[in-house]
Amino acid sequence: MVQSKTELFDTELAEKAILFKALAHPARLRILQFLSETQSCITGDISDELPLGRTTVNQHLKELKNAGLIQGHIQGVKTKYCLDPEKMQELKDSLQSFLNTIKLEYYKCE
């Protein structure tokens, strides 16, 4: 059986990479900010809030949904988008945990 390159690393790092990859585009970061700023779920077209076309925004929403960071529920002809608070907290904790493993106190690049 052929292993993918990500299978060569421990499960914890692979899970963090999936979450961090979801943050790898400014549009996705802005969507997360926007949903957080509204303090509620948004029904309707988030593309009205971004300088991108609807199709492109939908692709970014799909990436965020696949990572579990947002939820989308269909209500009639519109979709209601919300942050997933538990997954967002997991992301925050994972990022902090990862950054804590990066030791810079005595780091020198000579």
PDB file of N, CA and C in Angstrom:
ATOM      1  N   MET A   1       0.832  -1.174   0.000  1.00  0.00           N
ATOM      2  CA  MET A   1       0.000   0.000   0.000  1.00  0.00           C
ATOM      3  C   MET A   1       0.888   1.252   0.000  1.00  0.00           C
ATOM      4  N   VAL A   2       0.568   2.209  -0.829  1.00  0.00           N
ATOM      5  CA  VAL A   2       1.356   3.426  -0.956  1.00  0.00           C
ATOM      6  C   VAL A   2       0.865   4.454   0.067  1.00  0.00           C
ATOM      7  N   GLN A   3       1.807   5.023   0.813  1.00  0.00           N
ATOM      8  CA  GLN A   3       1.468   6.056   1.785  1.00  0.00           C
ATOM      9  C   GLN A   3       1.534   7.424   1.137  1.00  0.00           C
ATOM     10  N   SER A   4       0.623   8.305   1.562  1.00  0.00           N
ATOM     11  CA  SER A   4       0.749   9.685   1.127  1.00  0.00           C
ATOM     12  C   SER A   4       1.812  10.339   2.007  1.00  0.00           C
ATOM     13  N   LYS A   5       2.335  11.442   1.552  1.00  0.00           N
ATOM     14  CA  LYS A   5       3.397  12.123   2.311  1.00  0.00           C
ATOM     15  C   LYS A   5       2.912  12.560   3.686  1.00  0.00           C
ATOM     16  N   THR A   6       1.635  12.951   3.818  1.00  0.00           N
ATOM     17  CA  THR A   6       1.138  13.390   5.125  1.00  0.00           C
ATOM     18  C   THR A   6       1.072  12.242   6.119  1.00  0.00           C
ATOM     19  N   GLU A   7       0.944  11.007   5.638  1.00  0.00           N
ATOM     20  CA  GLU A   7       0.900   9.856   6.542  1.00  0.00           C
ATOM     21  C   GLU A   7       2.256   9.574   7.179  1.00  0.00           C
ATOM     22  N   LEU A   8       3.301  10.214   6.698  1.00  0.00           N
ATOM     23  CA  LEU A   8       4.627  10.031   7.268  1.00  0.00           C
ATOM     24  C   LEU A   8       4.801  10.816   8.568  1.00  0.00           C
ATOM     25  N   PHE A   9       3.845  11.697   8.873  1.00  0.00           N
ATOM     26  CA  PHE A   9       3.914  12.533  10.071  1.00  0.00           C
ATOM     27  C   PHE A   9       2.881  12.065  11.084  1.00  0.00           C
ATOM     28  N   ASP A  10       3.060  12.477  12.344  1.00  0.00           N
ATOM     29  CA  ASP A  10       2.109  12.018  13.352  1.00  0.00           C
ATOM     30  C   ASP A  10       0.728  12.631  13.124  1.00  0.00           C
ATOM     31  N   THR A  11      -0.266  11.968  13.651  1.00  0.00           N
ATOM     32  CA  THR A  11      -1.668  12.332  13.438  1.00  0.00           C
ATOM     33  C   THR A  11      -1.964  13.749  13.911  1.00  0.00           C
ATOM     34  N   GLU A  12      -1.391  14.141  15.031  1.00  0.00           N
ATOM     35  CA  GLU A  12      -1.650  15.477  15.573  1.00  0.00           C
ATOM     36  C   GLU A  12      -1.198  16.570  14.602  1.00  0.00           C
ATOM     37  N   LEU A  13      -0.003  16.417  14.034  1.00  0.00           N
ATOM     38  CA  LEU A  13       0.472  17.402  13.060  1.00  0.00           C
ATOM     39  C   LEU A  13      -0.392  17.395  11.802  1.00  0.00           C
ATOM     40  N   ALA A  14      -0.811  16.227  11.364  1.00  0.00           N
ATOM     41  CA  ALA A  14      -1.659  16.136  10.170  1.00  0.00           C
ATOM     42  C   ALA A  14      -3.002  16.835  10.401  1.00  0.00           C
ATOM     43  N   GLU A  15      -3.572  16.678  11.584  1.00  0.00           N
ATOM     44  CA  GLU A  15      -4.846  17.335  11.903  1.00  0.00           C
ATOM     45  C   GLU A  15      -4.673  18.853  11.965  1.00  0.00           C
ATOM     46  N   LYS A  16      -3.570  19.298  12.557  1.00  0.00           N
ATOM     47  CA  LYS A  16      -3.304  20.739  12.600  1.00  0.00           C
ATOM     48  C   LYS A  16      -3.143  21.291  11.184  1.00  0.00           C
ATOM     49  N   ALA A  17      -2.464  20.559  10.325  1.00  0.00           N
ATOM     50  CA  ALA A  17      -2.242  21.016   8.956  1.00  0.00           C
ATOM     51  C   ALA A  17      -3.561  21.219   8.211  1.00  0.00           C
ATOM     52  N   ILE A  18      -4.521  20.344   8.443  1.00  0.00           N
ATOM     53  CA  ILE A  18      -5.830  20.491   7.799  1.00  0.00           C
ATOM     54  C   ILE A  18      -6.488  21.795   8.238  1.00  0.00           C
ATOM     55  N   LEU A  19      -6.463  22.062   9.536  1.00  0.00           N
ATOM     56  CA  LEU A  19      -7.055  23.307  10.038  1.00  0.00           C
ATOM     57  C   LEU A  19      -6.302  24.524   9.517  1.00  0.00           C
ATOM     58  N   PHE A  20      -4.974  24.475   9.572  1.00  0.00           N
ATOM     59  CA  PHE A  20      -4.179  25.630   9.154  1.00  0.00           C
ATOM     60  C   PHE A  20      -4.317  25.886   7.660  1.00  0.00           C
ATOM     61  N   LYS A  21      -4.481  24.827   6.881  1.00  0.00           N
ATOM     62  CA  LYS A  21      -4.652  24.992   5.436  1.00  0.00           C
ATOM     63  C   LYS A  21      -5.914  25.791   5.124  1.00  0.00           C
ATOM     64  N   ALA A  22      -6.933  25.612   5.945  1.00  0.00           N
ATOM     65  CA  ALA A  22      -8.183  26.353   5.737  1.00  0.00           C
ATOM     66  C   ALA A  22      -7.972  27.854   5.900  1.00  0.00           C
ATOM     67  N   LEU A  23      -6.900  28.249   6.566  1.00  0.00           N
ATOM     68  CA  LEU A  23      -6.608  29.675   6.790  1.00  0.00           C
ATOM     69  C   LEU A  23      -5.696  30.249   5.724  1.00  0.00           C
ATOM     70  N   ALA A  24      -5.343  29.458   4.728  1.00  0.00           N
ATOM     71  CA  ALA A  24      -4.281  29.814   3.787  1.00  0.00           C
ATOM     72  C   ALA A  24      -4.732  30.712   2.640  1.00  0.00           C
ATOM     73  N   HIS A  25      -5.797  31.466   2.839  1.00  0.00           N
ATOM     74  CA  HIS A  25      -6.216  32.423   1.810  1.00  0.00           C
ATOM     75  C   HIS A  25      -6.879  33.610   2.511  1.00  0.00           C
ATOM     76  N   PRO A  26      -6.567  34.830   2.074  1.00  0.00           N
ATOM     77  CA  PRO A  26      -7.154  36.007   2.723  1.00  0.00           C
ATOM     78  C   PRO A  26      -8.677  36.024   2.682  1.00  0.00           C
ATOM     79  N   ALA A  27      -9.283  35.480   1.649  1.00  0.00           N
ATOM     80  CA  ALA A  27     -10.751  35.460   1.571  1.00  0.00           C
ATOM     81  C   ALA A  27     -11.335  34.616   2.699  1.00  0.00           C
ATOM     82  N   ARG A  28     -10.686  33.495   2.997  1.00  0.00           N
ATOM     83  CA  ARG A  28     -11.186  32.633   4.073  1.00  0.00           C
ATOM     84  C   ARG A  28     -11.017  33.297   5.427  1.00  0.00           C
ATOM     85  N   LEU A  29      -9.889  33.988   5.591  1.00  0.00           N
ATOM     86  CA  LEU A  29      -9.686  34.727   6.845  1.00  0.00           C
ATOM     87  C   LEU A  29     -10.757  35.797   7.002  1.00  0.00           C
ATOM     88  N   ARG A  30     -11.073  36.488   5.914  1.00  0.00           N
ATOM     89  CA  ARG A  30     -12.086  37.543   5.971  1.00  0.00           C
ATOM     90  C   ARG A  30     -13.470  36.973   6.252  1.00  0.00           C
ATOM     91  N   ILE A  31     -13.780  35.815   5.677  1.00  0.00           N
ATOM     92  CA  ILE A  31     -15.076  35.184   5.951  1.00  0.00           C
ATOM     93  C   ILE A  31     -15.194  34.863   7.437  1.00  0.00           C
ATOM     94  N   LEU A  32     -14.137  34.303   8.020  1.00  0.00           N
ATOM     95  CA  LEU A  32     -14.164  34.000   9.454  1.00  0.00           C
ATOM     96  C   LEU A  32     -14.324  35.283  10.275  1.00  0.00           C
ATOM     97  N   GLN A  33     -13.594  36.325   9.906  1.00  0.00           N
ATOM     98  CA  GLN A  33     -13.733  37.605  10.604  1.00  0.00           C
ATOM     99  C   GLN A  33     -15.158  38.137  10.486  1.00  0.00           C
ATOM    100  N   PHE A  34     -15.686  38.115   9.279  1.00  0.00           N
ATOM    101  CA  PHE A  34     -17.024  38.643   9.039  1.00  0.00           C
ATOM    102  C   PHE A  34     -18.065  37.909   9.879  1.00  0.00           C
ATOM    103  N   LEU A  35     -18.002  36.581   9.879  1.00  0.00           N
ATOM    104  CA  LEU A  35     -18.961  35.820  10.673  1.00  0.00           C
ATOM    105  C   LEU A  35     -18.806  36.114  12.159  1.00  0.00           C
ATOM    106  N   SER A  36     -17.576  36.298  12.601  1.00  0.00           N
ATOM    107  CA  SER A  36     -17.323  36.631  14.002  1.00  0.00           C
ATOM    108  C   SER A  36     -17.848  38.026  14.342  1.00  0.00           C
ATOM    109  N   GLU A  37     -17.615  38.979  13.447  1.00  0.00           N
ATOM    110  CA  GLU A  37     -18.058  40.365  13.677  1.00  0.00           C
ATOM    111  C   GLU A  37     -19.576  40.478  13.771  1.00  0.00           C
ATOM    112  N   THR A  38     -20.281  39.664  13.012  1.00  0.00           N
ATOM    113  CA  THR A  38     -21.740  39.752  13.012  1.00  0.00           C
ATOM    114  C   THR A  38     -22.343  39.174  14.277  1.00  0.00           C
ATOM    115  N   GLN A  39     -21.562  38.375  15.000  1.00  0.00           N
ATOM    116  CA  GLN A  39     -21.999  37.775  16.262  1.00  0.00           C
ATOM    117  C   GLN A  39     -23.242  36.906  16.101  1.00  0.00           C
ATOM    118  N   SER A  40     -23.518  36.461  14.877  1.00  0.00           N
ATOM    119  CA  SER A  40     -24.673  35.600  14.644  1.00  0.00           C
ATOM    120  C   SER A  40     -24.495  34.895  13.310  1.00  0.00           C
ATOM    121  N   CYS A  41     -25.452  34.052  13.018  1.00  0.00           N
ATOM    122  CA  CYS A  41     -25.444  33.376  11.729  1.00  0.00           C
ATOM    123  C   CYS A  41     -25.940  34.338  10.661  1.00  0.00           C
ATOM    124  N   ILE A  42     -25.438  34.167   9.467  1.00  0.00           N
ATOM    125  CA  ILE A  42     -25.789  35.029   8.336  1.00  0.00           C
ATOM    126  C   ILE A  42     -26.595  34.217   7.338  1.00  0.00           C
ATOM    127  N   THR A  43     -27.745  34.710   7.002  1.00  0.00           N
ATOM    128  CA  THR A  43     -28.535  34.078   5.957  1.00  0.00           C
ATOM    129  C   THR A  43     -28.394  34.933   4.711  1.00  0.00           C
ATOM    130  N   GLY A  44     -28.012  34.305   3.636  1.00  0.00           N
ATOM    131  CA  GLY A  44     -27.886  35.066   2.401  1.00  0.00           C
ATOM    132  C   GLY A  44     -26.526  34.906   1.779  1.00  0.00           C
ATOM    133  N   ASP A  45     -26.179  35.890   0.999  1.00  0.00           N
ATOM    134  CA  ASP A  45     -25.013  35.806   0.137  1.00  0.00           C
ATOM    135  C   ASP A  45     -23.827  36.544   0.752  1.00  0.00           C
ATOM    136  N   ILE A  46     -22.846  35.799   1.241  1.00  0.00           N
ATOM    137  CA  ILE A  46     -21.648  36.391   1.838  1.00  0.00           C
ATOM    138  C   ILE A  46     -20.811  37.083   0.772  1.00  0.00           C
ATOM    139  N   SER A  47     -20.991  36.722  -0.479  1.00  0.00           N
ATOM    140  CA  SER A  47     -20.198  37.347  -1.546  1.00  0.00           C
ATOM    141  C   SER A  47     -20.465  38.844  -1.641  1.00  0.00           C
ATOM    142  N   ASP A  48     -21.584  39.321  -1.078  1.00  0.00           N
ATOM    143  CA  ASP A  48     -21.843  40.771  -1.035  1.00  0.00           C
ATOM    144  C   ASP A  48     -20.817  41.486  -0.164  1.00  0.00           C
ATOM    145  N   GLU A  49     -20.179  40.738   0.737  1.00  0.00           N
ATOM    146  CA  GLU A  49     -19.225  41.321   1.687  1.00  0.00           C
ATOM    147  C   GLU A  49     -17.778  41.231   1.211  1.00  0.00           C
ATOM    148  N   LEU A  50     -17.529  40.527   0.116  1.00  0.00           N
ATOM    149  CA  LEU A  50     -16.160  40.300  -0.351  1.00  0.00           C
ATOM    150  C   LEU A  50     -15.985  40.794  -1.781  1.00  0.00           C
ATOM    151  N   PRO A  51     -14.762  41.181  -2.141  1.00  0.00           N
ATOM    152  CA  PRO A  51     -14.512  41.660  -3.504  1.00  0.00           C
ATOM    153  C   PRO A  51     -14.260  40.512  -4.491  1.00  0.00           C
ATOM    154  N   LEU A  52     -15.057  39.458  -4.359  1.00  0.00           N
ATOM    155  CA  LEU A  52     -14.895  38.271  -5.201  1.00  0.00           C
ATOM    156  C   LEU A  52     -16.252  37.846  -5.740  1.00  0.00           C
ATOM    157  N   GLY A  53     -16.219  37.090  -6.809  1.00  0.00           N
ATOM    158  CA  GLY A  53     -17.450  36.569  -7.380  1.00  0.00           C
ATOM    159  C   GLY A  53     -18.078  35.508  -6.502  1.00  0.00           C
ATOM    160  N   ARG A  54     -19.353  35.287  -6.710  1.00  0.00           N
ATOM    161  CA  ARG A  54     -20.116  34.331  -5.908  1.00  0.00           C
ATOM    162  C   ARG A  54     -19.528  32.920  -5.982  1.00  0.00           C
ATOM    163  N   THR A  55     -19.119  32.485  -7.164  1.00  0.00           N
ATOM    164  CA  THR A  55     -18.553  31.142  -7.323  1.00  0.00           C
ATOM    165  C   THR A  55     -17.273  30.990  -6.517  1.00  0.00           C
ATOM    166  N   THR A  56     -16.413  32.003  -6.570  1.00  0.00           N
ATOM    167  CA  THR A  56     -15.159  31.964  -5.822  1.00  0.00           C
ATOM    168  C   THR A  56     -15.425  31.945  -4.322  1.00  0.00           C
ATOM    169  N   VAL A  57     -16.346  32.780  -3.869  1.00  0.00           N
ATOM    170  CA  VAL A  57     -16.697  32.806  -2.447  1.00  0.00           C
ATOM    171  C   VAL A  57     -17.242  31.439  -2.019  1.00  0.00           C
ATOM    172  N   ASN A  58     -18.075  30.846  -2.854  1.00  0.00           N
ATOM    173  CA  ASN A  58     -18.624  29.529  -2.519  1.00  0.00           C
ATOM    174  C   ASN A  58     -17.528  28.475  -2.394  1.00  0.00           C
ATOM    175  N   GLN A  59     -16.490  28.574  -3.206  1.00  0.00           N
ATOM    176  CA  GLN A  59     -15.369  27.633  -3.089  1.00  0.00           C
ATOM    177  C   GLN A  59     -14.652  27.815  -1.752  1.00  0.00           C
ATOM    178  N   HIS A  60     -14.482  29.068  -1.337  1.00  0.00           N
ATOM    179  CA  HIS A  60     -13.836  29.324  -0.048  1.00  0.00           C
ATOM    180  C   HIS A  60     -14.721  28.867   1.112  1.00  0.00           C
ATOM    181  N   LEU A  61     -16.016  29.074   0.991  1.00  0.00           N
ATOM    182  CA  LEU A  61     -16.942  28.590   2.022  1.00  0.00           C
ATOM    183  C   LEU A  61     -16.865  27.064   2.130  1.00  0.00           C
ATOM    184  N   LYS A  62     -16.753  26.405   0.999  1.00  0.00           N
ATOM    185  CA  LYS A  62     -16.649  24.944   0.990  1.00  0.00           C
ATOM    186  C   LYS A  62     -15.395  24.486   1.725  1.00  0.00           C
ATOM    187  N   GLU A  63     -14.263  25.166   1.494  1.00  0.00           N
ATOM    188  CA  GLU A  63     -13.022  24.812   2.192  1.00  0.00           C
ATOM    189  C   GLU A  63     -13.182  24.970   3.705  1.00  0.00           C
ATOM    190  N   LEU A  64     -13.801  26.066   4.116  1.00  0.00           N
ATOM    191  CA  LEU A  64     -14.005  26.304   5.547  1.00  0.00           C
ATOM    192  C   LEU A  64     -14.967  25.276   6.140  1.00  0.00           C
ATOM    193  N   LYS A  65     -15.988  24.900   5.383  1.00  0.00           N
ATOM    194  CA  LYS A  65     -16.922  23.874   5.846  1.00  0.00           C
ATOM    195  C   LYS A  65     -16.231  22.518   5.944  1.00  0.00           C
ATOM    196  N   ASN A  66     -15.413  22.183   4.946  1.00  0.00           N
ATOM    197  CA  ASN A  66     -14.696  20.908   4.969  1.00  0.00           C
ATOM    198  C   ASN A  66     -13.768  20.798   6.175  1.00  0.00           C
ATOM    199  N   ALA A  67     -13.198  21.919   6.587  1.00  0.00           N
ATOM    200  CA  ALA A  67     -12.325  21.931   7.770  1.00  0.00           C
ATOM    201  C   ALA A  67     -13.143  21.945   9.056  1.00  0.00           C
ATOM    202  N   GLY A  68     -14.467  22.155   8.929  1.00  0.00           N
ATOM    203  CA  GLY A  68     -15.338  22.161  10.098  1.00  0.00           C
ATOM    204  C   GLY A  68     -15.410  23.488  10.814  1.00  0.00           C
ATOM    205  N   LEU A  69     -14.781  24.525  10.262  1.00  0.00           N
ATOM    206  CA  LEU A  69     -14.740  25.824  10.946  1.00  0.00           C
ATOM    207  C   LEU A  69     -16.047  26.595  10.841  1.00  0.00           C
ATOM    208  N   ILE A  70     -16.809  26.338   9.795  1.00  0.00           N
ATOM    209  CA  ILE A  70     -18.122  26.968   9.656  1.00  0.00           C
ATOM    210  C   ILE A  70     -19.157  25.890   9.346  1.00  0.00           C
ATOM    211  N   GLN A  71     -20.402  26.268   9.551  1.00  0.00           N
ATOM    212  CA  GLN A  71     -21.527  25.405   9.225  1.00  0.00           C
ATOM    213  C   GLN A  71     -22.396  26.142   8.226  1.00  0.00           C
ATOM    214  N   GLY A  72     -23.009  25.406   7.349  1.00  0.00           N
ATOM    215  CA  GLY A  72     -23.955  25.980   6.404  1.00  0.00           C
ATOM    216  C   GLY A  72     -25.220  25.157   6.393  1.00  0.00           C
ATOM    217  N   HIS A  73     -26.347  25.821   6.650  1.00  0.00           N
ATOM    218  CA  HIS A  73     -27.638  25.141   6.687  1.00  0.00           C
ATOM    219  C   HIS A  73     -28.562  25.803   5.676  1.00  0.00           C
ATOM    220  N   ILE A  74     -29.182  25.006   4.833  1.00  0.00           N
ATOM    221  CA  ILE A  74     -30.081  25.543   3.820  1.00  0.00           C
ATOM    222  C   ILE A  74     -31.416  25.894   4.465  1.00  0.00           C
ATOM    223  N   GLN A  75     -31.864  27.134   4.199  1.00  0.00           N
ATOM    224  CA  GLN A  75     -33.166  27.598   4.650  1.00  0.00           C
ATOM    225  C   GLN A  75     -33.893  28.158   3.434  1.00  0.00           C
ATOM    226  N   GLY A  76     -34.773  27.374   2.881  1.00  0.00           N
ATOM    227  CA  GLY A  76     -35.466  27.789   1.670  1.00  0.00           C
ATOM    228  C   GLY A  76     -34.488  27.865   0.514  1.00  0.00           C
ATOM    229  N   VAL A  77     -34.377  29.044  -0.091  1.00  0.00           N
ATOM    230  CA  VAL A  77     -33.457  29.215  -1.220  1.00  0.00           C
ATOM    231  C   VAL A  77     -32.121  29.809  -0.782  1.00  0.00           C
ATOM    232  N   LYS A  78     -31.977  30.090   0.513  1.00  0.00           N
ATOM    233  CA  LYS A  78     -30.741  30.688   1.019  1.00  0.00           C
ATOM    234  C   LYS A  78     -30.032  29.722   1.949  1.00  0.00           C
ATOM    235  N   THR A  79     -28.761  30.010   2.195  1.00  0.00           N
ATOM    236  CA  THR A  79     -27.982  29.214   3.129  1.00  0.00           C
ATOM    237  C   THR A  79     -27.617  30.079   4.324  1.00  0.00           C
ATOM    238  N   LYS A  80     -27.747  29.511   5.496  1.00  0.00           N
ATOM    239  CA  LYS A  80     -27.422  30.187   6.750  1.00  0.00           C
ATOM    240  C   LYS A  80     -26.021  29.733   7.166  1.00  0.00           C
ATOM    241  N   TYR A  81     -25.088  30.686   7.294  1.00  0.00           N
ATOM    242  CA  TYR A  81     -23.699  30.372   7.636  1.00  0.00           C
ATOM    243  C   TYR A  81     -23.387  30.815   9.058  1.00  0.00           C
ATOM    244  N   CYS A  82     -22.692  29.946   9.768  1.00  0.00           N
ATOM    245  CA  CYS A  82     -22.307  30.223  11.153  1.00  0.00           C
ATOM    246  C   CYS A  82     -20.904  29.684  11.394  1.00  0.00           C
ATOM    247  N   LEU A  83     -20.201  30.325  12.317  1.00  0.00           N
ATOM    248  CA  LEU A  83     -18.966  29.745  12.825  1.00  0.00           C
ATOM    249  C   LEU A  83     -19.329  28.518  13.648  1.00  0.00           C
ATOM    250  N   ASP A  84     -18.449  27.541  13.698  1.00  0.00           N
ATOM    251  CA  ASP A  84     -18.600  26.437  14.634  1.00  0.00           C
ATOM    252  C   ASP A  84     -17.724  26.788  15.833  1.00  0.00           C
ATOM    253  N   PRO A  85     -18.330  27.268  16.923  1.00  0.00           N
ATOM    254  CA  PRO A  85     -17.537  27.756  18.062  1.00  0.00           C
ATOM    255  C   PRO A  85     -16.571  26.717  18.626  1.00  0.00           C
ATOM    256  N   GLU A  86     -16.992  25.468  18.704  1.00  0.00           N
ATOM    257  CA  GLU A  86     -16.103  24.430  19.246  1.00  0.00           C
ATOM    258  C   GLU A  86     -14.901  24.213  18.340  1.00  0.00           C
ATOM    259  N   LYS A  87     -15.133  24.165  17.037  1.00  0.00           N
ATOM    260  CA  LYS A  87     -14.028  23.939  16.095  1.00  0.00           C
ATOM    261  C   LYS A  87     -13.114  25.170  16.050  1.00  0.00           C
ATOM    262  N   MET A  88     -13.693  26.360  16.154  1.00  0.00           N
ATOM    263  CA  MET A  88     -12.871  27.573  16.180  1.00  0.00           C
ATOM    264  C   MET A  88     -11.997  27.592  17.434  1.00  0.00           C
ATOM    265  N   GLN A  89     -12.530  27.151  18.558  1.00  0.00           N
ATOM    266  CA  GLN A  89     -11.725  27.079  19.776  1.00  0.00           C
ATOM    267  C   GLN A  89     -10.623  26.045  19.615  1.00  0.00           C
ATOM    268  N   GLU A  90     -10.953  24.918  18.975  1.00  0.00           N
ATOM    269  CA  GLU A  90      -9.939  23.897  18.692  1.00  0.00           C
ATOM    270  C   GLU A  90      -8.833  24.479  17.818  1.00  0.00           C
ATOM    271  N   LEU A  91      -9.212  25.267  16.820  1.00  0.00           N
ATOM    272  CA  LEU A  91      -8.220  25.917  15.956  1.00  0.00           C
ATOM    273  C   LEU A  91      -7.330  26.843  16.767  1.00  0.00           C
ATOM    274  N   LYS A  92      -7.927  27.673  17.604  1.00  0.00           N
ATOM    275  CA  LYS A  92      -7.143  28.592  18.434  1.00  0.00           C
ATOM    276  C   LYS A  92      -6.185  27.835  19.345  1.00  0.00           C
ATOM    277  N   ASP A  93      -6.687  26.777  19.967  1.00  0.00           N
ATOM    278  CA  ASP A  93      -5.848  25.978  20.862  1.00  0.00           C
ATOM    279  C   ASP A  93      -4.724  25.274  20.092  1.00  0.00           C
ATOM    280  N   SER A  94      -5.060  24.743  18.901  1.00  0.00           N
ATOM    281  CA  SER A  94      -4.060  24.052  18.089  1.00  0.00           C
ATOM    282  C   SER A  94      -2.960  24.994  17.640  1.00  0.00           C
ATOM    283  N   LEU A  95      -3.355  26.183  17.220  1.00  0.00           N
ATOM    284  CA  LEU A  95      -2.368  27.161  16.771  1.00  0.00           C
ATOM    285  C   LEU A  95      -1.465  27.572  17.933  1.00  0.00           C
ATOM    286  N   GLN A  96      -2.065  27.833  19.079  1.00  0.00           N
ATOM    287  CA  GLN A  96      -1.254  28.219  20.237  1.00  0.00           C
ATOM    288  C   GLN A  96      -0.334  27.081  20.658  1.00  0.00           C
ATOM    289  N   SER A  97      -0.845  25.878  20.670  1.00  0.00           N
ATOM    290  CA  SER A  97      -0.049  24.707  21.030  1.00  0.00           C
ATOM    291  C   SER A  97       1.132  24.535  20.075  1.00  0.00           C
ATOM    292  N   PHE A  98       0.864  24.683  18.786  1.00  0.00           N
ATOM    293  CA  PHE A  98       1.931  24.552  17.801  1.00  0.00           C
ATOM    294  C   PHE A  98       2.973  25.649  17.981  1.00  0.00           C
ATOM    295  N   LEU A  99       2.530  26.886  18.122  1.00  0.00           N
ATOM    296  CA  LEU A  99       3.468  28.000  18.285  1.00  0.00           C
ATOM    297  C   LEU A  99       4.313  27.842  19.546  1.00  0.00           C
ATOM    298  N   ASN A 100       3.738  27.233  20.577  1.00  0.00           N
ATOM    299  CA  ASN A 100       4.498  26.999  21.803  1.00  0.00           C
ATOM    300  C   ASN A 100       5.635  25.997  21.600  1.00  0.00           C
ATOM    301  N   THR A 101       5.562  25.176  20.551  1.00  0.00           N
ATOM    302  CA  THR A 101       6.644  24.223  20.288  1.00  0.00           C
ATOM    303  C   THR A 101       7.806  24.872  19.545  1.00  0.00           C
ATOM    304  N   ILE A 102       7.605  26.063  19.031  1.00  0.00           N
ATOM    305  CA  ILE A 102       8.651  26.775  18.294  1.00  0.00           C
ATOM    306  C   ILE A 102       9.452  27.591  19.304  1.00  0.00           C
ATOM    307  N   LYS A 103      10.653  27.155  19.556  1.00  0.00           N
ATOM    308  CA  LYS A 103      11.511  27.810  20.553  1.00  0.00           C
ATOM    309  C   LYS A 103      12.437  28.808  19.870  1.00  0.00           C
ATOM    310  N   LEU A 104      12.343  30.044  20.283  1.00  0.00           N
ATOM    311  CA  LEU A 104      13.163  31.100  19.673  1.00  0.00           C
ATOM    312  C   LEU A 104      14.136  31.756  20.661  1.00  0.00           C
ATOM    313  N   GLU A 105      14.050  31.390  21.955  1.00  0.00           N
ATOM    314  CA  GLU A 105      14.872  32.060  22.968  1.00  0.00           C
ATOM    315  C   GLU A 105      16.361  32.050  22.633  1.00  0.00           C
ATOM    316  N   TYR A 106      16.846  30.900  22.187  1.00  0.00           N
ATOM    317  CA  TYR A 106      18.282  30.770  21.936  1.00  0.00           C
ATOM    318  C   TYR A 106      18.589  30.515  20.454  1.00  0.00           C
ATOM    319  N   TYR A 107      17.622  30.769  19.611  1.00  0.00           N
ATOM    320  CA  TYR A 107      17.768  30.507  18.179  1.00  0.00           C
ATOM    321  C   TYR A 107      18.712  31.512  17.540  1.00  0.00           C
ATOM    322  N   LYS A 108      19.629  30.986  16.747  1.00  0.00           N
ATOM    323  CA  LYS A 108      20.555  31.847  15.998  1.00  0.00           C
ATOM    324  C   LYS A 108      20.679  31.292  14.600  1.00  0.00           C
ATOM    325  N   CYS A 109      20.675  32.178  13.648  1.00  0.00           N
ATOM    326  CA  CYS A 109      20.898  31.780  12.264  1.00  0.00           C
ATOM    327  C   CYS A 109      22.154  32.516  11.818  1.00  0.00           C
ATOM    328  N   GLU A 110      23.214  31.776  11.734  1.00  0.00           N
ATOM    329  CA  GLU A 110      24.494  32.417  11.432  1.00  0.00           C
ATOM    330  C   GLU A 110      24.993  32.036  10.057  1.00  0.00           C
TER     331      GLU A 110
END
